[in-house]
Each structure stands twice: as structure tokens, then as C-alpha cells.
Amino acid sequence: MKYAQPWFVRDRLMTLRAIKIYWRSPGYNLSRLTVTVAIALLLGSMFIPICNNEVFSEAEVQSSFGAVYIGFIIIGQLSITSIIPVTISIRDMFYRHESAGMLSSRSVIAGLLVAELPFIAVMSLSFPVIFLALVGMPNDGIKGEALRGLWVFIYFGLNTAIYSYIGQMFCFLVPGEGTAIVLANIFIGLNNAYSGFIASPALLTQNIFFAVQYYFVPGRYVYQGMVASLFGDDYTRWVTVPQTSPLFDNLGCVADGSGSCTVTVSAYFEAFFDYMWNLNDVPLNGWFNFVILLIWSISVRFIASIALKYLKYSGK
């Protein structure tokens, strides 16, 4: 018998220990929860003066898109950078316990998963509840608003999970904390640049080099999914687009006497993301983005488990 206890005992004890470690790490978990609430309040409060408007300027709509981007990017960055020191200490503890026949890599992976999920759920619920209450949504009934909130919760949760799990994966792939942080910063940079806000999807898809990265990074699916959930089927509010806008021709606009045209928020959203297939069906594409992000989450966990099992570095 390789281990001193059967697998279910090892898994249970490791899960309890991981939960205790998390609750005793307020610098990691409390900071994440506090920043999530603060960011939701800060970004949402910017739109209180215009939340009841029926007609927006292009700058106001793009600011709404930008607020969504800033929200999931900041929380993601906080998650990946703050989880690395905690995971390194758990990894080194695992090396000692494995050599003594007390733990397997599966027990550690399962324990970290269970310990992390409650915090991800609380963060993912806090952001949409606060942000949506302040930013203002189309008046399409309680059911419609609840569905929007649910999708934002799902995307925000998957984004936070992916960032956290990638941080753990880097800790298992490389020897030291410094190298893991370097890899995390590379991932953050790619996700920031190719999610579709700093450079618009219409520009990124014109070059094969940029397009490959745009369709690869998970931030692209988080950003598009969250914005689609909030604005993709908004046919009751309008955007005034000036003739100088780079999206003017894509919208099929004909300038009026003031040199601008007015389109629905939904039409502006479609032009902004330069849809290459029928994305008018928001629920269908919501599921598409969800599946891609779920694949990302599962793949990262799988790589992390393989790395922890087969790659061994000297622990403390």
C-alpha cells in the first residue's frame, strides 16, 4: 500500500486543510472580496447620471463596454497574482507529505478546487448584483433582468476561476514563485491586449497573427459574453453615432442634418464586435462562450494535476 490512508480519507483531510489555509489567509481572500465590491461600486457609480437615458452618445456606450472590461480584468489580475504565494506554500507542503506516504497529487488538486470555489462564487455574485443595480439595464421585466444577471455571474465566475487556476498551474509547472509570477504577467498582458477592448475586434481580426491570439485568449469570450448579456439584445435604447466614428460605415448609417445617425444599442454592439456569424441569437452565443470558457477551466485543471504529479521541485 503506497499511502497510509485510503484515497477518500486523504481527499477529505486535504480538503479540510485547504479550507483552513484559505480562511487563515485574509491577505488573499479578504482583499479579493473587498476589491470586487469596491470595483463594482466604483464602475457602477459612474453610470448613475445616465442609467435612465434612452439615447446615449457613442462615448457613453463605449464607456459602458470599458467598465465591463476593467471589472473582469482587475479582479482576474488580483486573483492570479495573489494566489501564487498561497499555492507555492501548499505545493511545498505536498512534497513533504507525499514522500511520507500521506498525500497524493489528486488530493491536493481536489482540496484546492473545493477551497477556492466558495470565494469565487461570492465574488462572482457580488459584482453583477452591485454593478447591474447601478449601471441600468433595458426594461424587459424581472425574468429578462434576472437572465442578464445570471449570464454575467457565470462569465465573471468562469473568468475568476480561470485566472485563479492558471496561477495554480504556473506554480506546479515551474520551480519558483518568481518564475510563476513572470508567466502570470505574460498571461495577463495577452489577455489585456487581445480581449477586444484596447484594440477593437474589427481591427484584431484583420491580421492573422492578431486574430489567432484574439480567438485564443479566454478574456475575449468573457468580454464578449458579458457585454452581449448586458447590451446584445437591447432594442429599446439608442446610440447617436457621429460621422467621424470608425463604426459609422459598418453600421450602414446615413448621416442626418447633424452629421450623425441613431442606431439601437444592439446594432452598435454587433458592429463593435464585428460579428463573423449570426450572433443576433444572444442565448445561443452565450452558450458558445460558456462552453469555450468551461473548456479553458477544465484544461487548466488537467494540466495543473499532471504537473503536480510528475514535476517535482525541492520544497522547503
Foldseek 3Di string as FASTA:
>chain_A
DLAPDDPVVLLVVLLVVLLVLVVVCCVQQVVLQVVLLVLLQVLLQVQQVPQPPQEAAPVVLLSVLVSLLVNLLVSLLSQLLSLQVVLLQVLLVVVVCSVVRHHALVSNLSSNVVNVVVSLQSSLLSRLVSNPVRNHADPPDPVLVVQLSVLSSLLSSLSNLLSNLLSNLLSLQDADSVSSVVVSVVLSVLLSVQLASVPHLVVQCVDPVSVVSNVPRLSVLSSLLNCCSGQQQQQRGKYKAAQPDPLCVVLVDDQDPVRIDMHGSNSVSCSRNVDPDPCSPSVVSSVVSSVSSVVSSVVSSVSSSVSSRPPDYNHD
